[in-house]
Amino acid sequence: MTGFLVVTTTVVAVAVALLGLLSTLARRRIGLVHLVATGVLEAVLLVQAVAVAVAMGRGERPEDTPTFVSYLVAVLLVPVAGALWARAERTRWAGTVLAVAAAVVGVMVWRLLQLWEVTGA
């Protein structure tokens, strides 16, 4: 795992969260911009997952591999679940759903980095 990808993911997650909060404050439902931003967040997470898979294939492993892999799989599902839930939500609160999902992603990627660096991998 690289710090660059974690920071990039965090920046995109903050952007998605802000978009969601702005739409909630404007009392509007989410639109295509929200979904595209969430798709970019998912794409960055997929790049990170591939980079981790390559590193693990080379023999680098965190000390607590099962917890790390669980976090990695879960963080990939959060934006998808948030987007699906937000699309199903017909009120202005759909933006809040996306904002919370993005905030969760932001926290989880830093926890992933913490778990990865325990052994200096």
PDB file of N, CA and C in Angstrom:
ATOM      1  N   MET A   1       0.839  -1.178   0.000  1.00  0.00           N
ATOM      2  CA  MET A   1       0.000   0.000   0.000  1.00  0.00           C
ATOM      3  C   MET A   1       0.876   1.231   0.000  1.00  0.00           C
ATOM      4  N   THR A   2       0.473   2.211  -0.741  1.00  0.00           N
ATOM      5  CA  THR A   2       1.257   3.436  -0.778  1.00  0.00           C
ATOM      6  C   THR A   2       0.476   4.585  -0.156  1.00  0.00           C
ATOM      7  N   GLY A   3       1.212   5.465   0.455  1.00  0.00           N
ATOM      8  CA  GLY A   3       0.606   6.646   1.039  1.00  0.00           C
ATOM      9  C   GLY A   3      -0.054   7.520  -0.012  1.00  0.00           C
ATOM     10  N   PHE A   4       0.533   7.531  -1.223  1.00  0.00           N
ATOM     11  CA  PHE A   4      -0.029   8.336  -2.307  1.00  0.00           C
ATOM     12  C   PHE A   4      -1.450   7.903  -2.636  1.00  0.00           C
ATOM     13  N   LEU A   5      -1.681   6.598  -2.747  1.00  0.00           N
ATOM     14  CA  LEU A   5      -3.026   6.110  -3.052  1.00  0.00           C
ATOM     15  C   LEU A   5      -3.998   6.378  -1.909  1.00  0.00           C
ATOM     16  N   VAL A   6      -3.514   6.298  -0.688  1.00  0.00           N
ATOM     17  CA  VAL A   6      -4.372   6.583   0.467  1.00  0.00           C
ATOM     18  C   VAL A   6      -4.785   8.052   0.465  1.00  0.00           C
ATOM     19  N   VAL A   7      -3.831   8.939   0.193  1.00  0.00           N
ATOM     20  CA  VAL A   7      -4.148  10.367   0.141  1.00  0.00           C
ATOM     21  C   VAL A   7      -5.090  10.664  -1.027  1.00  0.00           C
ATOM     22  N   THR A   8      -4.829  10.063  -2.177  1.00  0.00           N
ATOM     23  CA  THR A   8      -5.700  10.251  -3.337  1.00  0.00           C
ATOM     24  C   THR A   8      -7.117   9.780  -3.033  1.00  0.00           C
ATOM     25  N   THR A   9      -7.236   8.620  -2.425  1.00  0.00           N
ATOM     26  CA  THR A   9      -8.544   8.095  -2.054  1.00  0.00           C
ATOM     27  C   THR A   9      -9.244   9.031  -1.074  1.00  0.00           C
ATOM     28  N   THR A  10      -8.499   9.551  -0.123  1.00  0.00           N
ATOM     29  CA  THR A  10      -9.074  10.457   0.868  1.00  0.00           C
ATOM     30  C   THR A  10      -9.578  11.741   0.211  1.00  0.00           C
ATOM     31  N   VAL A  11      -8.811  12.282  -0.716  1.00  0.00           N
ATOM     32  CA  VAL A  11      -9.222  13.513  -1.405  1.00  0.00           C
ATOM     33  C   VAL A  11     -10.508  13.274  -2.195  1.00  0.00           C
ATOM     34  N   VAL A  12     -10.574  12.161  -2.909  1.00  0.00           N
ATOM     35  CA  VAL A  12     -11.779  11.855  -3.686  1.00  0.00           C
ATOM     36  C   VAL A  12     -12.963  11.598  -2.746  1.00  0.00           C
ATOM     37  N   ALA A  13     -12.719  10.918  -1.635  1.00  0.00           N
ATOM     38  CA  ALA A  13     -13.787  10.653  -0.668  1.00  0.00           C
ATOM     39  C   ALA A  13     -14.317  11.958  -0.071  1.00  0.00           C
ATOM     40  N   VAL A  14     -13.431  12.889   0.228  1.00  0.00           N
ATOM     41  CA  VAL A  14     -13.861  14.194   0.755  1.00  0.00           C
ATOM     42  C   VAL A  14     -14.689  14.933  -0.301  1.00  0.00           C
ATOM     43  N   ALA A  15     -14.285  14.846  -1.556  1.00  0.00           N
ATOM     44  CA  ALA A  15     -15.049  15.498  -2.625  1.00  0.00           C
ATOM     45  C   ALA A  15     -16.456  14.906  -2.734  1.00  0.00           C
ATOM     46  N   VAL A  16     -16.565  13.584  -2.659  1.00  0.00           N
ATOM     47  CA  VAL A  16     -17.874  12.936  -2.720  1.00  0.00           C
ATOM     48  C   VAL A  16     -18.717  13.338  -1.505  1.00  0.00           C
ATOM     49  N   ALA A  17     -18.090  13.367  -0.338  1.00  0.00           N
ATOM     50  CA  ALA A  17     -18.815  13.758   0.873  1.00  0.00           C
ATOM     51  C   ALA A  17     -19.329  15.192   0.768  1.00  0.00           C
ATOM     52  N   LEU A  18     -18.496  16.083   0.260  1.00  0.00           N
ATOM     53  CA  LEU A  18     -18.928  17.473   0.101  1.00  0.00           C
ATOM     54  C   LEU A  18     -20.063  17.602  -0.912  1.00  0.00           C
ATOM     55  N   LEU A  19     -19.962  16.879  -2.019  1.00  0.00           N
ATOM     56  CA  LEU A  19     -21.056  16.879  -3.002  1.00  0.00           C
ATOM     57  C   LEU A  19     -22.360  16.405  -2.369  1.00  0.00           C
ATOM     58  N   GLY A  20     -22.268  15.350  -1.594  1.00  0.00           N
ATOM     59  CA  GLY A  20     -23.459  14.819  -0.931  1.00  0.00           C
ATOM     60  C   GLY A  20     -24.048  15.806   0.056  1.00  0.00           C
ATOM     61  N   LEU A  21     -23.183  16.427   0.853  1.00  0.00           N
ATOM     62  CA  LEU A  21     -23.668  17.402   1.828  1.00  0.00           C
ATOM     63  C   LEU A  21     -24.256  18.635   1.153  1.00  0.00           C
ATOM     64  N   LEU A  22     -23.632  19.076   0.069  1.00  0.00           N
ATOM     65  CA  LEU A  22     -24.166  20.229  -0.654  1.00  0.00           C
ATOM     66  C   LEU A  22     -25.552  19.948  -1.231  1.00  0.00           C
ATOM     67  N   SER A  23     -25.735  18.752  -1.754  1.00  0.00           N
ATOM     68  CA  SER A  23     -27.063  18.440  -2.293  1.00  0.00           C
ATOM     69  C   SER A  23     -28.097  18.333  -1.175  1.00  0.00           C
ATOM     70  N   THR A  24     -27.685  17.856  -0.014  1.00  0.00           N
ATOM     71  CA  THR A  24     -28.610  17.800   1.115  1.00  0.00           C
ATOM     72  C   THR A  24     -28.982  19.212   1.565  1.00  0.00           C
ATOM     73  N   LEU A  25     -27.992  20.071   1.667  1.00  0.00           N
ATOM     74  CA  LEU A  25     -28.258  21.449   2.087  1.00  0.00           C
ATOM     75  C   LEU A  25     -29.111  22.200   1.069  1.00  0.00           C
ATOM     76  N   ALA A  26     -28.938  21.869  -0.204  1.00  0.00           N
ATOM     77  CA  ALA A  26     -29.734  22.500  -1.259  1.00  0.00           C
ATOM     78  C   ALA A  26     -31.114  21.847  -1.391  1.00  0.00           C
ATOM     79  N   ARG A  27     -31.361  20.819  -0.597  1.00  0.00           N
ATOM     80  CA  ARG A  27     -32.628  20.083  -0.620  1.00  0.00           C
ATOM     81  C   ARG A  27     -32.903  19.465  -1.988  1.00  0.00           C
ATOM     82  N   ARG A  28     -31.848  18.896  -2.557  1.00  0.00           N
ATOM     83  CA  ARG A  28     -31.955  18.260  -3.872  1.00  0.00           C
ATOM     84  C   ARG A  28     -31.535  16.796  -3.778  1.00  0.00           C
ATOM     85  N   ARG A  29     -32.067  16.023  -4.703  1.00  0.00           N
ATOM     86  CA  ARG A  29     -31.642  14.625  -4.785  1.00  0.00           C
ATOM     87  C   ARG A  29     -30.296  14.557  -5.492  1.00  0.00           C
ATOM     88  N   ILE A  30     -29.676  13.394  -5.451  1.00  0.00           N
ATOM     89  CA  ILE A  30     -28.386  13.245  -6.123  1.00  0.00           C
ATOM     90  C   ILE A  30     -28.605  13.156  -7.626  1.00  0.00           C
ATOM     91  N   GLY A  31     -27.540  13.454  -8.364  1.00  0.00           N
ATOM     92  CA  GLY A  31     -27.611  13.403  -9.817  1.00  0.00           C
ATOM     93  C   GLY A  31     -26.433  12.645 -10.399  1.00  0.00           C
ATOM     94  N   LEU A  32     -26.219  12.840 -11.666  1.00  0.00           N
ATOM     95  CA  LEU A  32     -25.158  12.150 -12.389  1.00  0.00           C
ATOM     96  C   LEU A  32     -23.773  12.524 -11.854  1.00  0.00           C
ATOM     97  N   VAL A  33     -23.598  13.774 -11.460  1.00  0.00           N
ATOM     98  CA  VAL A  33     -22.297  14.215 -10.929  1.00  0.00           C
ATOM     99  C   VAL A  33     -21.931  13.399  -9.691  1.00  0.00           C
ATOM    100  N   HIS A  34     -22.904  13.151  -8.828  1.00  0.00           N
ATOM    101  CA  HIS A  34     -22.663  12.370  -7.612  1.00  0.00           C
ATOM    102  C   HIS A  34     -22.262  10.938  -7.947  1.00  0.00           C
ATOM    103  N   LEU A  35     -22.961  10.375  -8.908  1.00  0.00           N
ATOM    104  CA  LEU A  35     -22.667   8.992  -9.278  1.00  0.00           C
ATOM    105  C   LEU A  35     -21.312   8.860  -9.967  1.00  0.00           C
ATOM    106  N   VAL A  36     -20.962   9.821 -10.792  1.00  0.00           N
ATOM    107  CA  VAL A  36     -19.647   9.796 -11.444  1.00  0.00           C
ATOM    108  C   VAL A  36     -18.545   9.933 -10.394  1.00  0.00           C
ATOM    109  N   ALA A  37     -18.727  10.849  -9.453  1.00  0.00           N
ATOM    110  CA  ALA A  37     -17.726  11.024  -8.390  1.00  0.00           C
ATOM    111  C   ALA A  37     -17.589   9.758  -7.557  1.00  0.00           C
ATOM    112  N   THR A  38     -18.695   9.100  -7.277  1.00  0.00           N
ATOM    113  CA  THR A  38     -18.643   7.844  -6.533  1.00  0.00           C
ATOM    114  C   THR A  38     -17.956   6.760  -7.368  1.00  0.00           C
ATOM    115  N   GLY A  39     -18.178   6.773  -8.675  1.00  0.00           N
ATOM    116  CA  GLY A  39     -17.489   5.838  -9.562  1.00  0.00           C
ATOM    117  C   GLY A  39     -15.989   6.068  -9.587  1.00  0.00           C
ATOM    118  N   VAL A  40     -15.575   7.333  -9.550  1.00  0.00           N
ATOM    119  CA  VAL A  40     -14.137   7.649  -9.480  1.00  0.00           C
ATOM    120  C   VAL A  40     -13.560   7.134  -8.169  1.00  0.00           C
ATOM    121  N   LEU A  41     -14.303   7.313  -7.084  1.00  0.00           N
ATOM    122  CA  LEU A  41     -13.854   6.797  -5.788  1.00  0.00           C
ATOM    123  C   LEU A  41     -13.683   5.287  -5.837  1.00  0.00           C
ATOM    124  N   GLU A  42     -14.639   4.601  -6.421  1.00  0.00           N
ATOM    125  CA  GLU A  42     -14.546   3.144  -6.549  1.00  0.00           C
ATOM    126  C   GLU A  42     -13.361   2.746  -7.428  1.00  0.00           C
ATOM    127  N   ALA A  43     -13.112   3.487  -8.502  1.00  0.00           N
ATOM    128  CA  ALA A  43     -11.984   3.184  -9.388  1.00  0.00           C
ATOM    129  C   ALA A  43     -10.652   3.325  -8.652  1.00  0.00           C
ATOM    130  N   VAL A  44     -10.522   4.367  -7.848  1.00  0.00           N
ATOM    131  CA  VAL A  44      -9.284   4.552  -7.074  1.00  0.00           C
ATOM    132  C   VAL A  44      -9.117   3.411  -6.073  1.00  0.00           C
ATOM    133  N   LEU A  45     -10.221   2.993  -5.469  1.00  0.00           N
ATOM    134  CA  LEU A  45     -10.153   1.867  -4.533  1.00  0.00           C
ATOM    135  C   LEU A  45      -9.754   0.572  -5.238  1.00  0.00           C
ATOM    136  N   LEU A  46     -10.240   0.383  -6.447  1.00  0.00           N
ATOM    137  CA  LEU A  46      -9.863  -0.811  -7.209  1.00  0.00           C
ATOM    138  C   LEU A  46      -8.382  -0.791  -7.576  1.00  0.00           C
ATOM    139  N   VAL A  47      -7.860   0.373  -7.944  1.00  0.00           N
ATOM    140  CA  VAL A  47      -6.428   0.495  -8.229  1.00  0.00           C
ATOM    141  C   VAL A  47      -5.626   0.136  -6.981  1.00  0.00           C
ATOM    142  N   GLN A  48      -6.081   0.624  -5.850  1.00  0.00           N
ATOM    143  CA  GLN A  48      -5.403   0.324  -4.591  1.00  0.00           C
ATOM    144  C   GLN A  48      -5.455  -1.171  -4.283  1.00  0.00           C
ATOM    145  N   ALA A  49      -6.604  -1.791  -4.517  1.00  0.00           N
ATOM    146  CA  ALA A  49      -6.733  -3.225  -4.253  1.00  0.00           C
ATOM    147  C   ALA A  49      -5.819  -4.042  -5.158  1.00  0.00           C
ATOM    148  N   VAL A  50      -5.699  -3.652  -6.417  1.00  0.00           N
ATOM    149  CA  VAL A  50      -4.794  -4.347  -7.333  1.00  0.00           C
ATOM    150  C   VAL A  50      -3.345  -4.173  -6.885  1.00  0.00           C
ATOM    151  N   ALA A  51      -2.983  -2.963  -6.478  1.00  0.00           N
ATOM    152  CA  ALA A  51      -1.614  -2.717  -5.991  1.00  0.00           C
ATOM    153  C   ALA A  51      -1.310  -3.569  -4.764  1.00  0.00           C
ATOM    154  N   VAL A  52      -2.276  -3.701  -3.880  1.00  0.00           N
ATOM    155  CA  VAL A  52      -2.093  -4.535  -2.689  1.00  0.00           C
ATOM    156  C   VAL A  52      -1.976  -6.003  -3.087  1.00  0.00           C
ATOM    157  N   ALA A  53      -2.804  -6.449  -4.021  1.00  0.00           N
ATOM    158  CA  ALA A  53      -2.744  -7.844  -4.458  1.00  0.00           C
ATOM    159  C   ALA A  53      -1.382  -8.165  -5.074  1.00  0.00           C
ATOM    160  N   VAL A  54      -0.837  -7.234  -5.854  1.00  0.00           N
ATOM    161  CA  VAL A  54       0.492  -7.431  -6.450  1.00  0.00           C
ATOM    162  C   VAL A  54       1.552  -7.498  -5.350  1.00  0.00           C
ATOM    163  N   ALA A  55       1.466  -6.589  -4.384  1.00  0.00           N
ATOM    164  CA  ALA A  55       2.445  -6.587  -3.285  1.00  0.00           C
ATOM    165  C   ALA A  55       2.345  -7.877  -2.474  1.00  0.00           C
ATOM    166  N   MET A  56       1.132  -8.320  -2.222  1.00  0.00           N
ATOM    167  CA  MET A  56       0.973  -9.563  -1.465  1.00  0.00           C
ATOM    168  C   MET A  56       1.456 -10.759  -2.280  1.00  0.00           C
ATOM    169  N   GLY A  57       1.297 -10.700  -3.595  1.00  0.00           N
ATOM    170  CA  GLY A  57       1.807 -11.756  -4.457  1.00  0.00           C
ATOM    171  C   GLY A  57       3.326 -11.837  -4.437  1.00  0.00           C
ATOM    172  N   ARG A  58       3.974 -10.694  -4.186  1.00  0.00           N
ATOM    173  CA  ARG A  58       5.443 -10.662  -4.076  1.00  0.00           C
ATOM    174  C   ARG A  58       5.921 -11.084  -2.697  1.00  0.00           C
ATOM    175  N   GLY A  59       4.978 -11.355  -1.787  1.00  0.00           N
ATOM    176  CA  GLY A  59       5.375 -11.838  -0.469  1.00  0.00           C
ATOM    177  C   GLY A  59       5.230 -10.830   0.655  1.00  0.00           C
ATOM    178  N   GLU A  60       4.871  -9.601   0.351  1.00  0.00           N
ATOM    179  CA  GLU A  60       4.650  -8.618   1.405  1.00  0.00           C
ATOM    180  C   GLU A  60       3.284  -8.879   2.030  1.00  0.00           C
ATOM    181  N   ARG A  61       3.266  -8.977   3.336  1.00  0.00           N
ATOM    182  CA  ARG A  61       2.003  -9.247   4.023  1.00  0.00           C
ATOM    183  C   ARG A  61       1.947  -8.455   5.323  1.00  0.00           C
ATOM    184  N   PRO A  62       0.760  -7.944   5.648  1.00  0.00           N
ATOM    185  CA  PRO A  62       0.608  -7.315   6.959  1.00  0.00           C
ATOM    186  C   PRO A  62       0.585  -8.391   8.045  1.00  0.00           C
ATOM    187  N   GLU A  63       0.849  -7.986   9.257  1.00  0.00           N
ATOM    188  CA  GLU A  63       0.886  -8.945  10.364  1.00  0.00           C
ATOM    189  C   GLU A  63      -0.463  -9.641  10.542  1.00  0.00           C
ATOM    190  N   ASP A  64      -1.548  -8.861  10.489  1.00  0.00           N
ATOM    191  CA  ASP A  64      -2.886  -9.406  10.658  1.00  0.00           C
ATOM    192  C   ASP A  64      -3.579  -9.467   9.292  1.00  0.00           C
ATOM    193  N   THR A  65      -3.167 -10.433   8.490  1.00  0.00           N
ATOM    194  CA  THR A  65      -3.654 -10.535   7.119  1.00  0.00           C
ATOM    195  C   THR A  65      -5.171 -10.715   7.018  1.00  0.00           C
ATOM    196  N   PRO A  66      -5.804 -11.571   7.826  1.00  0.00           N
ATOM    197  CA  PRO A  66      -7.263 -11.722   7.691  1.00  0.00           C
ATOM    198  C   PRO A  66      -8.031 -10.414   7.945  1.00  0.00           C
ATOM    199  N   THR A  67      -7.615  -9.654   8.941  1.00  0.00           N
ATOM    200  CA  THR A  67      -8.277  -8.374   9.213  1.00  0.00           C
ATOM    201  C   THR A  67      -8.043  -7.409   8.067  1.00  0.00           C
ATOM    202  N   PHE A  68      -6.827  -7.371   7.550  1.00  0.00           N
ATOM    203  CA  PHE A  68      -6.501  -6.481   6.442  1.00  0.00           C
ATOM    204  C   PHE A  68      -7.342  -6.801   5.207  1.00  0.00           C
ATOM    205  N   VAL A  69      -7.412  -8.064   4.860  1.00  0.00           N
ATOM    206  CA  VAL A  69      -8.172  -8.474   3.675  1.00  0.00           C
ATOM    207  C   VAL A  69      -9.665  -8.178   3.876  1.00  0.00           C
ATOM    208  N   SER A  70     -10.158  -8.374   5.081  1.00  0.00           N
ATOM    209  CA  SER A  70     -11.559  -8.059   5.374  1.00  0.00           C
ATOM    210  C   SER A  70     -11.841  -6.578   5.169  1.00  0.00           C
ATOM    211  N   TYR A  71     -10.958  -5.728   5.678  1.00  0.00           N
ATOM    212  CA  TYR A  71     -11.106  -4.286   5.476  1.00  0.00           C
ATOM    213  C   TYR A  71     -11.034  -3.942   3.989  1.00  0.00           C
ATOM    214  N   LEU A  72     -10.120  -4.571   3.278  1.00  0.00           N
ATOM    215  CA  LEU A  72      -9.940  -4.284   1.857  1.00  0.00           C
ATOM    216  C   LEU A  72     -11.193  -4.633   1.052  1.00  0.00           C
ATOM    217  N   VAL A  73     -11.776  -5.785   1.330  1.00  0.00           N
ATOM    218  CA  VAL A  73     -13.002  -6.187   0.636  1.00  0.00           C
ATOM    219  C   VAL A  73     -14.158  -5.265   1.030  1.00  0.00           C
ATOM    220  N   ALA A  74     -14.270  -4.961   2.315  1.00  0.00           N
ATOM    221  CA  ALA A  74     -15.373  -4.120   2.795  1.00  0.00           C
ATOM    222  C   ALA A  74     -15.306  -2.709   2.218  1.00  0.00           C
ATOM    223  N   VAL A  75     -14.100  -2.148   2.139  1.00  0.00           N
ATOM    224  CA  VAL A  75     -13.982  -0.776   1.629  1.00  0.00           C
ATOM    225  C   VAL A  75     -14.356  -0.706   0.148  1.00  0.00           C
ATOM    226  N   LEU A  76     -14.193  -1.800  -0.566  1.00  0.00           N
ATOM    227  CA  LEU A  76     -14.617  -1.838  -1.970  1.00  0.00           C
ATOM    228  C   LEU A  76     -16.140  -1.848  -2.103  1.00  0.00           C
ATOM    229  N   LEU A  77     -16.829  -2.368  -1.097  1.00  0.00           N
ATOM    230  CA  LEU A  77     -18.282  -2.478  -1.154  1.00  0.00           C
ATOM    231  C   LEU A  77     -19.010  -1.224  -0.676  1.00  0.00           C
ATOM    232  N   VAL A  78     -18.359  -0.422   0.158  1.00  0.00           N
ATOM    233  CA  VAL A  78     -19.031   0.739   0.760  1.00  0.00           C
ATOM    234  C   VAL A  78     -19.525   1.754  -0.279  1.00  0.00           C
ATOM    235  N   PRO A  79     -18.701   2.199  -1.242  1.00  0.00           N
ATOM    236  CA  PRO A  79     -19.226   3.162  -2.217  1.00  0.00           C
ATOM    237  C   PRO A  79     -20.365   2.601  -3.066  1.00  0.00           C
ATOM    238  N   VAL A  80     -20.275   1.325  -3.405  1.00  0.00           N
ATOM    239  CA  VAL A  80     -21.329   0.700  -4.202  1.00  0.00           C
ATOM    240  C   VAL A  80     -22.631   0.670  -3.404  1.00  0.00           C
ATOM    241  N   ALA A  81     -22.546   0.235  -2.155  1.00  0.00           N
ATOM    242  CA  ALA A  81     -23.735   0.189  -1.309  1.00  0.00           C
ATOM    243  C   ALA A  81     -24.299   1.591  -1.081  1.00  0.00           C
ATOM    244  N   GLY A  82     -23.419   2.560  -0.863  1.00  0.00           N
ATOM    245  CA  GLY A  82     -23.867   3.935  -0.669  1.00  0.00           C
ATOM    246  C   GLY A  82     -24.570   4.488  -1.896  1.00  0.00           C
ATOM    247  N   ALA A  83     -24.020   4.221  -3.067  1.00  0.00           N
ATOM    248  CA  ALA A  83     -24.632   4.709  -4.308  1.00  0.00           C
ATOM    249  C   ALA A  83     -25.988   4.043  -4.553  1.00  0.00           C
ATOM    250  N   LEU A  84     -26.058   2.741  -4.318  1.00  0.00           N
ATOM    251  CA  LEU A  84     -27.333   2.042  -4.515  1.00  0.00           C
ATOM    252  C   LEU A  84     -28.394   2.548  -3.543  1.00  0.00           C
ATOM    253  N   TRP A  85     -28.003   2.738  -2.299  1.00  0.00           N
ATOM    254  CA  TRP A  85     -28.948   3.230  -1.299  1.00  0.00           C
ATOM    255  C   TRP A  85     -29.374   4.660  -1.634  1.00  0.00           C
ATOM    256  N   ALA A  86     -28.431   5.478  -2.048  1.00  0.00           N
ATOM    257  CA  ALA A  86     -28.738   6.868  -2.392  1.00  0.00           C
ATOM    258  C   ALA A  86     -29.673   6.938  -3.600  1.00  0.00           C
ATOM    259  N   ARG A  87     -29.486   6.057  -4.567  1.00  0.00           N
ATOM    260  CA  ARG A  87     -30.375   6.040  -5.737  1.00  0.00           C
ATOM    261  C   ARG A  87     -31.785   5.591  -5.346  1.00  0.00           C
ATOM    262  N   ALA A  88     -31.879   4.714  -4.366  1.00  0.00           N
ATOM    263  CA  ALA A  88     -33.190   4.242  -3.922  1.00  0.00           C
ATOM    264  C   ALA A  88     -33.895   5.289  -3.061  1.00  0.00           C
ATOM    265  N   GLU A  89     -33.137   6.167  -2.428  1.00  0.00           N
ATOM    266  CA  GLU A  89     -33.688   7.214  -1.565  1.00  0.00           C
ATOM    267  C   GLU A  89     -34.245   8.333  -2.447  1.00  0.00           C
ATOM    268  N   ARG A  90     -35.526   8.577  -2.354  1.00  0.00           N
ATOM    269  CA  ARG A  90     -36.180   9.551  -3.225  1.00  0.00           C
ATOM    270  C   ARG A  90     -36.256  10.943  -2.601  1.00  0.00           C
ATOM    271  N   THR A  91     -35.598  11.153  -1.492  1.00  0.00           N
ATOM    272  CA  THR A  91     -35.659  12.462  -0.832  1.00  0.00           C
ATOM    273  C   THR A  91     -34.305  13.145  -0.917  1.00  0.00           C
ATOM    274  N   ARG A  92     -34.212  14.308  -0.314  1.00  0.00           N
ATOM    275  CA  ARG A  92     -32.955  15.047  -0.319  1.00  0.00           C
ATOM    276  C   ARG A  92     -31.876  14.369   0.516  1.00  0.00           C
ATOM    277  N   TRP A  93     -32.246  13.398   1.336  1.00  0.00           N
ATOM    278  CA  TRP A  93     -31.284  12.746   2.223  1.00  0.00           C
ATOM    279  C   TRP A  93     -30.368  11.772   1.495  1.00  0.00           C
ATOM    280  N   ALA A  94     -30.583  11.564   0.223  1.00  0.00           N
ATOM    281  CA  ALA A  94     -29.702  10.687  -0.560  1.00  0.00           C
ATOM    282  C   ALA A  94     -28.267  11.208  -0.541  1.00  0.00           C
ATOM    283  N   GLY A  95     -28.103  12.522  -0.568  1.00  0.00           N
ATOM    284  CA  GLY A  95     -26.767  13.106  -0.502  1.00  0.00           C
ATOM    285  C   GLY A  95     -26.070  12.798   0.813  1.00  0.00           C
ATOM    286  N   THR A  96     -26.834  12.767   1.878  1.00  0.00           N
ATOM    287  CA  THR A  96     -26.262  12.435   3.188  1.00  0.00           C
ATOM    288  C   THR A  96     -25.792  10.988   3.209  1.00  0.00           C
ATOM    289  N   VAL A  97     -26.547  10.109   2.569  1.00  0.00           N
ATOM    290  CA  VAL A  97     -26.141   8.704   2.483  1.00  0.00           C
ATOM    291  C   VAL A  97     -24.787   8.600   1.783  1.00  0.00           C
ATOM    292  N   LEU A  98     -24.624   9.309   0.672  1.00  0.00           N
ATOM    293  CA  LEU A  98     -23.337   9.291  -0.039  1.00  0.00           C
ATOM    294  C   LEU A  98     -22.229   9.910   0.806  1.00  0.00           C
ATOM    295  N   ALA A  99     -22.548  10.987   1.516  1.00  0.00           N
ATOM    296  CA  ALA A  99     -21.544  11.646   2.348  1.00  0.00           C
ATOM    297  C   ALA A  99     -21.049  10.710   3.445  1.00  0.00           C
ATOM    298  N   VAL A 100     -21.954   9.992   4.066  1.00  0.00           N
ATOM    299  CA  VAL A 100     -21.562   9.053   5.124  1.00  0.00           C
ATOM    300  C   VAL A 100     -20.732   7.914   4.537  1.00  0.00           C
ATOM    301  N   ALA A 101     -21.151   7.388   3.397  1.00  0.00           N
ATOM    302  CA  ALA A 101     -20.381   6.313   2.760  1.00  0.00           C
ATOM    303  C   ALA A 101     -18.966   6.787   2.419  1.00  0.00           C
ATOM    304  N   ALA A 102     -18.853   8.001   1.898  1.00  0.00           N
ATOM    305  CA  ALA A 102     -17.534   8.536   1.553  1.00  0.00           C
ATOM    306  C   ALA A 102     -16.685   8.747   2.803  1.00  0.00           C
ATOM    307  N   ALA A 103     -17.296   9.211   3.878  1.00  0.00           N
ATOM    308  CA  ALA A 103     -16.553   9.398   5.131  1.00  0.00           C
ATOM    309  C   ALA A 103     -16.051   8.052   5.667  1.00  0.00           C
ATOM    310  N   VAL A 104     -16.877   7.034   5.549  1.00  0.00           N
ATOM    311  CA  VAL A 104     -16.473   5.688   5.986  1.00  0.00           C
ATOM    312  C   VAL A 104     -15.274   5.213   5.174  1.00  0.00           C
ATOM    313  N   VAL A 105     -15.303   5.443   3.874  1.00  0.00           N
ATOM    314  CA  VAL A 105     -14.178   5.051   3.013  1.00  0.00           C
ATOM    315  C   VAL A 105     -12.914   5.790   3.446  1.00  0.00           C
ATOM    316  N   GLY A 106     -13.034   7.088   3.702  1.00  0.00           N
ATOM    317  CA  GLY A 106     -11.879   7.872   4.128  1.00  0.00           C
ATOM    318  C   GLY A 106     -11.227   7.328   5.381  1.00  0.00           C
ATOM    319  N   VAL A 107     -12.036   6.919   6.335  1.00  0.00           N
ATOM    320  CA  VAL A 107     -11.498   6.360   7.582  1.00  0.00           C
ATOM    321  C   VAL A 107     -10.913   4.970   7.334  1.00  0.00           C
ATOM    322  N   MET A 108     -11.610   4.164   6.557  1.00  0.00           N
ATOM    323  CA  MET A 108     -11.157   2.786   6.348  1.00  0.00           C
ATOM    324  C   MET A 108      -9.827   2.698   5.603  1.00  0.00           C
ATOM    325  N   VAL A 109      -9.575   3.590   4.646  1.00  0.00           N
ATOM    326  CA  VAL A 109      -8.295   3.497   3.932  1.00  0.00           C
ATOM    327  C   VAL A 109      -7.124   3.853   4.843  1.00  0.00           C
ATOM    328  N   TRP A 110      -7.336   4.768   5.773  1.00  0.00           N
ATOM    329  CA  TRP A 110      -6.258   5.086   6.716  1.00  0.00           C
ATOM    330  C   TRP A 110      -6.038   3.925   7.678  1.00  0.00           C
ATOM    331  N   ARG A 111      -7.113   3.236   8.050  1.00  0.00           N
ATOM    332  CA  ARG A 111      -6.962   2.050   8.895  1.00  0.00           C
ATOM    333  C   ARG A 111      -6.235   0.947   8.125  1.00  0.00           C
ATOM    334  N   LEU A 112      -6.533   0.807   6.841  1.00  0.00           N
ATOM    335  CA  LEU A 112      -5.810  -0.168   6.021  1.00  0.00           C
ATOM    336  C   LEU A 112      -4.316   0.131   5.995  1.00  0.00           C
ATOM    337  N   LEU A 113      -3.985   1.405   5.827  1.00  0.00           N
ATOM    338  CA  LEU A 113      -2.569   1.787   5.825  1.00  0.00           C
ATOM    339  C   LEU A 113      -1.922   1.462   7.166  1.00  0.00           C
ATOM    340  N   GLN A 114      -2.651   1.723   8.251  1.00  0.00           N
ATOM    341  CA  GLN A 114      -2.141   1.396   9.583  1.00  0.00           C
ATOM    342  C   GLN A 114      -1.863  -0.095   9.714  1.00  0.00           C
ATOM    343  N   LEU A 115      -2.816  -0.908   9.281  1.00  0.00           N
ATOM    344  CA  LEU A 115      -2.640  -2.365   9.361  1.00  0.00           C
ATOM    345  C   LEU A 115      -1.484  -2.824   8.491  1.00  0.00           C
ATOM    346  N   TRP A 116      -1.317  -2.215   7.328  1.00  0.00           N
ATOM    347  CA  TRP A 116      -0.252  -2.599   6.404  1.00  0.00           C
ATOM    348  C   TRP A 116       1.126  -2.284   6.962  1.00  0.00           C
ATOM    349  N   GLU A 117       1.233  -1.140   7.600  1.00  0.00           N
ATOM    350  CA  GLU A 117       2.541  -0.680   8.070  1.00  0.00           C
ATOM    351  C   GLU A 117       2.979  -1.261   9.404  1.00  0.00           C
ATOM    352  N   VAL A 118       2.151  -2.082  10.024  1.00  0.00           N
ATOM    353  CA  VAL A 118       2.522  -2.667  11.314  1.00  0.00           C
ATOM    354  C   VAL A 118       3.818  -3.447  11.197  1.00  0.00           C
ATOM    355  N   THR A 119       3.989  -4.178  10.097  1.00  0.00           N
ATOM    356  CA  THR A 119       5.192  -4.973   9.925  1.00  0.00           C
ATOM    357  C   THR A 119       6.220  -4.281   9.052  1.00  0.00           C
ATOM    358  N   GLY A 120       5.875  -3.080   8.562  1.00  0.00           N
ATOM    359  CA  GLY A 120       6.791  -2.385   7.672  1.00  0.00           C
ATOM    360  C   GLY A 120       6.755  -2.954   6.262  1.00  0.00           C
ATOM    361  N   ALA A 121       5.657  -3.632   5.939  1.00  0.00           N
ATOM    362  CA  ALA A 121       5.545  -4.254   4.622  1.00  0.00           C
ATOM    363  C   ALA A 121       5.451  -3.228   3.523  1.00  0.00           C
TER     364      ALA A 121
END
